[in-house]
Amino acid sequence: MEKHSIVVRTRTGSSGEALIEIEDTGAGIEQWKMERIFEPFWTDKPVGVGTGLGLSISKRIIEDHHGWISARNAADKGAIFAFGLPRPLA
């Protein structure tokens, strides 16, 4: 059985923003899918398995808090989702 892992990295950016990366060791995301993964109701799962809303809702919540989210393939294997949220006002 092949082992997979998920790594979560957090840090504070130079302006005090929270920066988070989530990396897995899965198969990665094909480029044509990468271009659509944040679209509402888009999914590559079979009918009845998932709604295609998870990443679009996540993106909307993060952007509503003046943050950003991105996805890219890891250099060797897997994918990396990164997002940032601004420093809260005092």
PDB file of N, CA and C in Angstrom:
ATOM      1  N   MET A   1       0.839  -1.175   0.000  1.00  0.00           N
ATOM      2  CA  MET A   1       0.000   0.000   0.000  1.00  0.00           C
ATOM      3  C   MET A   1       0.888   1.245   0.000  1.00  0.00           C
ATOM      4  N   GLU A   2       0.569   2.174  -0.893  1.00  0.00           N
ATOM      5  CA  GLU A   2       1.332   3.419  -0.986  1.00  0.00           C
ATOM      6  C   GLU A   2       0.890   4.386   0.106  1.00  0.00           C
ATOM      7  N   LYS A   3       1.852   5.023   0.772  1.00  0.00           N
ATOM      8  CA  LYS A   3       1.532   6.003   1.807  1.00  0.00           C
ATOM      9  C   LYS A   3       1.401   7.388   1.201  1.00  0.00           C
ATOM     10  N   HIS A   4       0.402   8.120   1.660  1.00  0.00           N
ATOM     11  CA  HIS A   4       0.218   9.505   1.257  1.00  0.00           C
ATOM     12  C   HIS A   4       0.306  10.376   2.500  1.00  0.00           C
ATOM     13  N   SER A   5       0.602  11.634   2.286  1.00  0.00           N
ATOM     14  CA  SER A   5       0.678  12.532   3.435  1.00  0.00           C
ATOM     15  C   SER A   5       0.101  13.899   3.069  1.00  0.00           C
ATOM     16  N   ILE A   6      -0.278  14.620   4.095  1.00  0.00           N
ATOM     17  CA  ILE A   6      -0.731  16.002   3.978  1.00  0.00           C
ATOM     18  C   ILE A   6       0.119  16.810   4.940  1.00  0.00           C
ATOM     19  N   VAL A   7       0.673  17.904   4.443  1.00  0.00           N
ATOM     20  CA  VAL A   7       1.492  18.784   5.266  1.00  0.00           C
ATOM     21  C   VAL A   7       0.829  20.157   5.288  1.00  0.00           C
ATOM     22  N   VAL A   8       0.680  20.720   6.486  1.00  0.00           N
ATOM     23  CA  VAL A   8       0.124  22.059   6.643  1.00  0.00           C
ATOM     24  C   VAL A   8       1.224  22.964   7.168  1.00  0.00           C
ATOM     25  N   ARG A   9       1.459  24.071   6.443  1.00  0.00           N
ATOM     26  CA  ARG A   9       2.463  25.047   6.856  1.00  0.00           C
ATOM     27  C   ARG A   9       1.764  26.373   7.133  1.00  0.00           C
ATOM     28  N   THR A  10       2.138  27.007   8.228  1.00  0.00           N
ATOM     29  CA  THR A  10       1.587  28.326   8.547  1.00  0.00           C
ATOM     30  C   THR A  10       2.739  29.274   8.870  1.00  0.00           C
ATOM     31  N   ARG A  11       2.512  30.538   8.538  1.00  0.00           N
ATOM     32  CA  ARG A  11       3.502  31.558   8.906  1.00  0.00           C
ATOM     33  C   ARG A  11       2.821  32.914   8.873  1.00  0.00           C
ATOM     34  N   THR A  12       3.492  33.880   9.398  1.00  0.00           N
ATOM     35  CA  THR A  12       3.012  35.258   9.356  1.00  0.00           C
ATOM     36  C   THR A  12       3.807  35.996   8.297  1.00  0.00           C
ATOM     37  N   GLY A  13       3.115  36.668   7.385  1.00  0.00           N
ATOM     38  CA  GLY A  13       3.773  37.421   6.325  1.00  0.00           C
ATOM     39  C   GLY A  13       4.350  38.724   6.841  1.00  0.00           C
ATOM     40  N   SER A  14       5.063  39.427   5.992  1.00  0.00           N
ATOM     41  CA  SER A  14       5.754  40.656   6.392  1.00  0.00           C
ATOM     42  C   SER A  14       4.798  41.761   6.824  1.00  0.00           C
ATOM     43  N   SER A  15       3.554  41.708   6.377  1.00  0.00           N
ATOM     44  CA  SER A  15       2.554  42.716   6.778  1.00  0.00           C
ATOM     45  C   SER A  15       1.649  42.211   7.893  1.00  0.00           C
ATOM     46  N   GLY A  16       2.005  41.084   8.474  1.00  0.00           N
ATOM     47  CA  GLY A  16       1.218  40.528   9.567  1.00  0.00           C
ATOM     48  C   GLY A  16       0.092  39.617   9.122  1.00  0.00           C
ATOM     49  N   GLU A  17       0.002  39.340   7.810  1.00  0.00           N
ATOM     50  CA  GLU A  17      -1.053  38.472   7.324  1.00  0.00           C
ATOM     51  C   GLU A  17      -0.768  37.003   7.639  1.00  0.00           C
ATOM     52  N   ALA A  18      -1.822  36.230   7.780  1.00  0.00           N
ATOM     53  CA  ALA A  18      -1.692  34.788   8.003  1.00  0.00           C
ATOM     54  C   ALA A  18      -1.540  34.110   6.648  1.00  0.00           C
ATOM     55  N   LEU A  19      -0.509  33.297   6.485  1.00  0.00           N
ATOM     56  CA  LEU A  19      -0.256  32.566   5.255  1.00  0.00           C
ATOM     57  C   LEU A  19      -0.293  31.074   5.558  1.00  0.00           C
ATOM     58  N   ILE A  20      -1.087  30.333   4.804  1.00  0.00           N
ATOM     59  CA  ILE A  20      -1.289  28.910   5.055  1.00  0.00           C
ATOM     60  C   ILE A  20      -1.089  28.152   3.753  1.00  0.00           C
ATOM     61  N   GLU A  21      -0.369  27.035   3.815  1.00  0.00           N
ATOM     62  CA  GLU A  21      -0.202  26.131   2.678  1.00  0.00           C
ATOM     63  C   GLU A  21      -0.590  24.730   3.104  1.00  0.00           C
ATOM     64  N   ILE A  22      -1.335  24.054   2.246  1.00  0.00           N
ATOM     65  CA  ILE A  22      -1.712  22.665   2.484  1.00  0.00           C
ATOM     66  C   ILE A  22      -1.224  21.878   1.277  1.00  0.00           C
ATOM     67  N   GLU A  23      -0.327  20.934   1.515  1.00  0.00           N
ATOM     68  CA  GLU A  23       0.287  20.162   0.434  1.00  0.00           C
ATOM     69  C   GLU A  23       0.006  18.686   0.638  1.00  0.00           C
ATOM     70  N   ASP A  24      -0.346  18.004  -0.450  1.00  0.00           N
ATOM     71  CA  ASP A  24      -0.543  16.561  -0.356  1.00  0.00           C
ATOM     72  C   ASP A  24       0.396  15.850  -1.325  1.00  0.00           C
ATOM     73  N   THR A  25       0.460  14.537  -1.203  1.00  0.00           N
ATOM     74  CA  THR A  25       1.333  13.737  -2.063  1.00  0.00           C
ATOM     75  C   THR A  25       0.520  12.879  -3.012  1.00  0.00           C
ATOM     76  N   GLY A  26      -0.672  13.347  -3.359  1.00  0.00           N
ATOM     77  CA  GLY A  26      -1.522  12.612  -4.294  1.00  0.00           C
ATOM     78  C   GLY A  26      -1.020  12.732  -5.724  1.00  0.00           C
ATOM     79  N   ALA A  27      -1.922  12.533  -6.657  1.00  0.00           N
ATOM     80  CA  ALA A  27      -1.570  12.511  -8.077  1.00  0.00           C
ATOM     81  C   ALA A  27      -1.376  13.901  -8.671  1.00  0.00           C
ATOM     82  N   GLY A  28      -1.774  14.942  -7.962  1.00  0.00           N
ATOM     83  CA  GLY A  28      -1.718  16.285  -8.530  1.00  0.00           C
ATOM     84  C   GLY A  28      -3.000  16.572  -9.293  1.00  0.00           C
ATOM     85  N   ILE A  29      -3.062  17.721  -9.925  1.00  0.00           N
ATOM     86  CA  ILE A  29      -4.268  18.158 -10.629  1.00  0.00           C
ATOM     87  C   ILE A  29      -3.897  18.468 -12.077  1.00  0.00           C
ATOM     88  N   GLU A  30      -4.593  17.827 -13.013  1.00  0.00           N
ATOM     89  CA  GLU A  30      -4.319  18.088 -14.423  1.00  0.00           C
ATOM     90  C   GLU A  30      -4.555  19.568 -14.720  1.00  0.00           C
ATOM     91  N   GLN A  31      -3.741  20.138 -15.626  1.00  0.00           N
ATOM     92  CA  GLN A  31      -3.805  21.570 -15.886  1.00  0.00           C
ATOM     93  C   GLN A  31      -5.194  22.035 -16.304  1.00  0.00           C
ATOM     94  N   TRP A  32      -5.885  21.293 -17.128  1.00  0.00           N
ATOM     95  CA  TRP A  32      -7.212  21.726 -17.580  1.00  0.00           C
ATOM     96  C   TRP A  32      -8.192  21.756 -16.413  1.00  0.00           C
ATOM     97  N   LYS A  33      -7.994  20.893 -15.430  1.00  0.00           N
ATOM     98  CA  LYS A  33      -8.838  20.919 -14.236  1.00  0.00           C
ATOM     99  C   LYS A  33      -8.455  22.087 -13.333  1.00  0.00           C
ATOM    100  N   MET A  34      -7.149  22.349 -13.248  1.00  0.00           N
ATOM    101  CA  MET A  34      -6.647  23.441 -12.404  1.00  0.00           C
ATOM    102  C   MET A  34      -7.301  24.772 -12.790  1.00  0.00           C
ATOM    103  N   GLU A  35      -7.571  24.942 -14.075  1.00  0.00           N
ATOM    104  CA  GLU A  35      -8.168  26.177 -14.569  1.00  0.00           C
ATOM    105  C   GLU A  35      -9.631  26.327 -14.165  1.00  0.00           C
ATOM    106  N   ARG A  36     -10.256  25.241 -13.654  1.00  0.00           N
ATOM    107  CA  ARG A  36     -11.693  25.290 -13.352  1.00  0.00           C
ATOM    108  C   ARG A  36     -12.045  24.988 -11.899  1.00  0.00           C
ATOM    109  N   ILE A  37     -11.108  24.577 -11.088  1.00  0.00           N
ATOM    110  CA  ILE A  37     -11.457  24.038  -9.765  1.00  0.00           C
ATOM    111  C   ILE A  37     -12.172  25.010  -8.829  1.00  0.00           C
ATOM    112  N   PHE A  38     -12.039  26.303  -9.049  1.00  0.00           N
ATOM    113  CA  PHE A  38     -12.723  27.260  -8.176  1.00  0.00           C
ATOM    114  C   PHE A  38     -14.079  27.710  -8.736  1.00  0.00           C
ATOM    115  N   GLU A  39     -14.495  27.148  -9.882  1.00  0.00           N
ATOM    116  CA  GLU A  39     -15.790  27.498 -10.468  1.00  0.00           C
ATOM    117  C   GLU A  39     -16.926  26.821  -9.698  1.00  0.00           C
ATOM    118  N   PRO A  40     -17.998  27.559  -9.392  1.00  0.00           N
ATOM    119  CA  PRO A  40     -19.144  26.935  -8.716  1.00  0.00           C
ATOM    120  C   PRO A  40     -19.751  25.820  -9.578  1.00  0.00           C
ATOM    121  N   PHE A  41     -20.097  24.739  -8.936  1.00  0.00           N
ATOM    122  CA  PHE A  41     -20.764  23.577  -9.533  1.00  0.00           C
ATOM    123  C   PHE A  41     -19.891  22.779 -10.492  1.00  0.00           C
ATOM    124  N   TRP A  42     -18.603  23.090 -10.600  1.00  0.00           N
ATOM    125  CA  TRP A  42     -17.743  22.278 -11.452  1.00  0.00           C
ATOM    126  C   TRP A  42     -17.154  21.166 -10.608  1.00  0.00           C
ATOM    127  N   THR A  43     -17.230  19.952 -11.112  1.00  0.00           N
ATOM    128  CA  THR A  43     -16.625  18.816 -10.449  1.00  0.00           C
ATOM    129  C   THR A  43     -16.224  17.788 -11.493  1.00  0.00           C
ATOM    130  N   ASP A  44     -15.222  17.002 -11.176  1.00  0.00           N
ATOM    131  CA  ASP A  44     -14.847  15.896 -12.053  1.00  0.00           C
ATOM    132  C   ASP A  44     -15.291  14.567 -11.450  1.00  0.00           C
ATOM    133  N   LYS A  45     -16.079  14.636 -10.392  1.00  0.00           N
ATOM    134  CA  LYS A  45     -16.605  13.433  -9.753  1.00  0.00           C
ATOM    135  C   LYS A  45     -17.849  12.953 -10.499  1.00  0.00           C
ATOM    136  N   PRO A  46     -18.186  11.679 -10.335  1.00  0.00           N
ATOM    137  CA  PRO A  46     -19.392  11.160 -10.991  1.00  0.00           C
ATOM    138  C   PRO A  46     -20.652  11.856 -10.464  1.00  0.00           C
ATOM    139  N   VAL A  47     -21.706  11.828 -11.275  1.00  0.00           N
ATOM    140  CA  VAL A  47     -22.991  12.401 -10.887  1.00  0.00           C
ATOM    141  C   VAL A  47     -23.431  11.781  -9.564  1.00  0.00           C
ATOM    142  N   GLY A  48     -23.867  12.637  -8.649  1.00  0.00           N
ATOM    143  CA  GLY A  48     -24.320  12.162  -7.342  1.00  0.00           C
ATOM    144  C   GLY A  48     -23.228  12.084  -6.296  1.00  0.00           C
ATOM    145  N   VAL A  49     -21.987  12.356  -6.685  1.00  0.00           N
ATOM    146  CA  VAL A  49     -20.856  12.303  -5.749  1.00  0.00           C
ATOM    147  C   VAL A  49     -20.216  13.682  -5.703  1.00  0.00           C
ATOM    148  N   GLY A  50     -20.693  14.513  -4.811  1.00  0.00           N
ATOM    149  CA  GLY A  50     -20.144  15.866  -4.709  1.00  0.00           C
ATOM    150  C   GLY A  50     -20.964  16.859  -5.511  1.00  0.00           C
ATOM    151  N   THR A  51     -20.861  18.115  -5.108  1.00  0.00           N
ATOM    152  CA  THR A  51     -21.669  19.169  -5.727  1.00  0.00           C
ATOM    153  C   THR A  51     -20.841  20.166  -6.518  1.00  0.00           C
ATOM    154  N   GLY A  52     -19.533  20.147  -6.373  1.00  0.00           N
ATOM    155  CA  GLY A  52     -18.713  21.140  -7.048  1.00  0.00           C
ATOM    156  C   GLY A  52     -18.765  22.494  -6.366  1.00  0.00           C
ATOM    157  N   LEU A  53     -19.100  22.500  -5.082  1.00  0.00           N
ATOM    158  CA  LEU A  53     -19.228  23.775  -4.369  1.00  0.00           C
ATOM    159  C   LEU A  53     -18.131  24.028  -3.341  1.00  0.00           C
ATOM    160  N   GLY A  54     -17.433  23.003  -2.898  1.00  0.00           N
ATOM    161  CA  GLY A  54     -16.474  23.157  -1.807  1.00  0.00           C
ATOM    162  C   GLY A  54     -15.424  24.231  -2.030  1.00  0.00           C
ATOM    163  N   LEU A  55     -14.702  24.159  -3.138  1.00  0.00           N
ATOM    164  CA  LEU A  55     -13.635  25.134  -3.375  1.00  0.00           C
ATOM    165  C   LEU A  55     -14.185  26.502  -3.738  1.00  0.00           C
ATOM    166  N   SER A  56     -15.319  26.559  -4.445  1.00  0.00           N
ATOM    167  CA  SER A  56     -15.869  27.878  -4.784  1.00  0.00           C
ATOM    168  C   SER A  56     -16.383  28.585  -3.538  1.00  0.00           C
ATOM    169  N   ILE A  57     -16.987  27.848  -2.613  1.00  0.00           N
ATOM    170  CA  ILE A  57     -17.442  28.449  -1.352  1.00  0.00           C
ATOM    171  C   ILE A  57     -16.243  28.888  -0.516  1.00  0.00           C
ATOM    172  N   SER A  58     -15.220  28.055  -0.453  1.00  0.00           N
ATOM    173  CA  SER A  58     -14.005  28.418   0.291  1.00  0.00           C
ATOM    174  C   SER A  58     -13.392  29.694  -0.268  1.00  0.00           C
ATOM    175  N   LYS A  59     -13.307  29.774  -1.593  1.00  0.00           N
ATOM    176  CA  LYS A  59     -12.741  30.964  -2.229  1.00  0.00           C
ATOM    177  C   LYS A  59     -13.562  32.202  -1.890  1.00  0.00           C
ATOM    178  N   ARG A  60     -14.861  32.083  -1.951  1.00  0.00           N
ATOM    179  CA  ARG A  60     -15.738  33.232  -1.659  1.00  0.00           C
ATOM    180  C   ARG A  60     -15.568  33.697  -0.213  1.00  0.00           C
ATOM    181  N   ILE A  61     -15.526  32.773   0.729  1.00  0.00           N
ATOM    182  CA  ILE A  61     -15.356  33.136   2.137  1.00  0.00           C
ATOM    183  C   ILE A  61     -14.022  33.846   2.348  1.00  0.00           C
ATOM    184  N   ILE A  62     -12.963  33.285   1.782  1.00  0.00           N
ATOM    185  CA  ILE A  62     -11.634  33.885   1.943  1.00  0.00           C
ATOM    186  C   ILE A  62     -11.597  35.278   1.309  1.00  0.00           C
ATOM    187  N   GLU A  63     -12.145  35.417   0.100  1.00  0.00           N
ATOM    188  CA  GLU A  63     -12.142  36.725  -0.560  1.00  0.00           C
ATOM    189  C   GLU A  63     -13.043  37.724   0.160  1.00  0.00           C
ATOM    190  N   ASP A  64     -14.147  37.259   0.750  1.00  0.00           N
ATOM    191  CA  ASP A  64     -15.004  38.153   1.532  1.00  0.00           C
ATOM    192  C   ASP A  64     -14.274  38.713   2.751  1.00  0.00           C
ATOM    193  N   HIS A  65     -13.215  38.009   3.175  1.00  0.00           N
ATOM    194  CA  HIS A  65     -12.386  38.480   4.290  1.00  0.00           C
ATOM    195  C   HIS A  65     -11.106  39.146   3.783  1.00  0.00           C
ATOM    196  N   HIS A  66     -11.133  39.556   2.517  1.00  0.00           N
ATOM    197  CA  HIS A  66     -10.028  40.280   1.867  1.00  0.00           C
ATOM    198  C   HIS A  66      -8.760  39.442   1.748  1.00  0.00           C
ATOM    199  N   GLY A  67      -8.934  38.137   1.608  1.00  0.00           N
ATOM    200  CA  GLY A  67      -7.800  37.245   1.431  1.00  0.00           C
ATOM    201  C   GLY A  67      -7.727  36.727   0.001  1.00  0.00           C
ATOM    202  N   TRP A  68      -6.880  35.749  -0.199  1.00  0.00           N
ATOM    203  CA  TRP A  68      -6.681  35.142  -1.512  1.00  0.00           C
ATOM    204  C   TRP A  68      -6.454  33.648  -1.335  1.00  0.00           C
ATOM    205  N   ILE A  69      -6.693  32.891  -2.402  1.00  0.00           N
ATOM    206  CA  ILE A  69      -6.434  31.453  -2.414  1.00  0.00           C
ATOM    207  C   ILE A  69      -5.911  31.074  -3.789  1.00  0.00           C
ATOM    208  N   SER A  70      -5.006  30.103  -3.825  1.00  0.00           N
ATOM    209  CA  SER A  70      -4.462  29.630  -5.099  1.00  0.00           C
ATOM    210  C   SER A  70      -4.169  28.139  -4.989  1.00  0.00           C
ATOM    211  N   ALA A  71      -3.989  27.527  -6.141  1.00  0.00           N
ATOM    212  CA  ALA A  71      -3.634  26.110  -6.193  1.00  0.00           C
ATOM    213  C   ALA A  71      -2.566  25.919  -7.253  1.00  0.00           C
ATOM    214  N   ARG A  72      -1.679  24.981  -6.993  1.00  0.00           N
ATOM    215  CA  ARG A  72      -0.648  24.639  -7.979  1.00  0.00           C
ATOM    216  C   ARG A  72      -0.205  23.208  -7.709  1.00  0.00           C
ATOM    217  N   ASN A  73       0.415  22.617  -8.686  1.00  0.00           N
ATOM    218  CA  ASN A  73       0.955  21.280  -8.491  1.00  0.00           C
ATOM    219  C   ASN A  73       2.307  21.376  -7.810  1.00  0.00           C
ATOM    220  N   ALA A  74       2.584  20.415  -6.952  1.00  0.00           N
ATOM    221  CA  ALA A  74       3.885  20.340  -6.286  1.00  0.00           C
ATOM    222  C   ALA A  74       4.941  19.946  -7.321  1.00  0.00           C
ATOM    223  N   ALA A  75       6.179  20.232  -7.020  1.00  0.00           N
ATOM    224  CA  ALA A  75       7.269  19.976  -7.963  1.00  0.00           C
ATOM    225  C   ALA A  75       7.377  18.496  -8.329  1.00  0.00           C
ATOM    226  N   ASP A  76       7.225  17.614  -7.349  1.00  0.00           N
ATOM    227  CA  ASP A  76       7.417  16.195  -7.640  1.00  0.00           C
ATOM    228  C   ASP A  76       6.100  15.436  -7.765  1.00  0.00           C
ATOM    229  N   LYS A  77       5.181  15.631  -6.835  1.00  0.00           N
ATOM    230  CA  LYS A  77       3.935  14.874  -6.835  1.00  0.00           C
ATOM    231  C   LYS A  77       2.972  15.533  -5.870  1.00  0.00           C
ATOM    232  N   GLY A  78       1.720  15.618  -6.250  1.00  0.00           N
ATOM    233  CA  GLY A  78       0.721  16.191  -5.365  1.00  0.00           C
ATOM    234  C   GLY A  78       0.353  17.612  -5.746  1.00  0.00           C
ATOM    235  N   ALA A  79      -0.413  18.243  -4.873  1.00  0.00           N
ATOM    236  CA  ALA A  79      -0.883  19.606  -5.117  1.00  0.00           C
ATOM    237  C   ALA A  79      -0.687  20.443  -3.867  1.00  0.00           C
ATOM    238  N   ILE A  80      -0.641  21.754  -4.059  1.00  0.00           N
ATOM    239  CA  ILE A  80      -0.489  22.704  -2.956  1.00  0.00           C
ATOM    240  C   ILE A  80      -1.584  23.747  -3.078  1.00  0.00           C
ATOM    241  N   PHE A  81      -2.366  23.885  -2.032  1.00  0.00           N
ATOM    242  CA  PHE A  81      -3.329  24.973  -1.929  1.00  0.00           C
ATOM    243  C   PHE A  81      -2.756  25.958  -0.930  1.00  0.00           C
ATOM    244  N   ALA A  82      -2.740  27.226  -1.311  1.00  0.00           N
ATOM    245  CA  ALA A  82      -2.205  28.269  -0.439  1.00  0.00           C
ATOM    246  C   ALA A  82      -3.256  29.357  -0.309  1.00  0.00           C
ATOM    247  N   PHE A  83      -3.333  29.926   0.882  1.00  0.00           N
ATOM    248  CA  PHE A  83      -4.217  31.076   1.041  1.00  0.00           C
ATOM    249  C   PHE A  83      -3.670  32.010   2.087  1.00  0.00           C
ATOM    250  N   GLY A  84      -4.102  33.256   1.999  1.00  0.00           N
ATOM    251  CA  GLY A  84      -3.667  34.271   2.933  1.00  0.00           C
ATOM    252  C   GLY A  84      -4.844  35.098   3.384  1.00  0.00           C
ATOM    253  N   LEU A  85      -4.784  35.508   4.622  1.00  0.00           N
ATOM    254  CA  LEU A  85      -5.795  36.376   5.211  1.00  0.00           C
ATOM    255  C   LEU A  85      -5.094  37.567   5.846  1.00  0.00           C
ATOM    256  N   PRO A  86      -5.641  38.755   5.653  1.00  0.00           N
ATOM    257  CA  PRO A  86      -4.972  39.949   6.181  1.00  0.00           C
ATOM    258  C   PRO A  86      -4.954  39.975   7.702  1.00  0.00           C
ATOM    259  N   ARG A  87      -4.038  40.751   8.206  1.00  0.00           N
ATOM    260  CA  ARG A  87      -3.937  40.952   9.650  1.00  0.00           C
ATOM    261  C   ARG A  87      -5.215  41.632  10.147  1.00  0.00           C
ATOM    262  N   PRO A  88      -5.775  41.133  11.233  1.00  0.00           N
ATOM    263  CA  PRO A  88      -6.995  41.775  11.747  1.00  0.00           C
ATOM    264  C   PRO A  88      -6.707  43.211  12.224  1.00  0.00           C
ATOM    265  N   LEU A  89      -7.675  44.076  12.057  1.00  0.00           N
ATOM    266  CA  LEU A  89      -7.538  45.430  12.555  1.00  0.00           C
ATOM    267  C   LEU A  89      -7.634  45.421  14.074  1.00  0.00           C
ATOM    268  N   ALA A  90      -6.834  46.234  14.715  1.00  0.00           N
ATOM    269  CA  ALA A  90      -6.815  46.268  16.189  1.00  0.00           C
ATOM    270  C   ALA A  90      -8.014  46.976  16.747  1.00  0.00           C
TER     271      ALA A  90
END
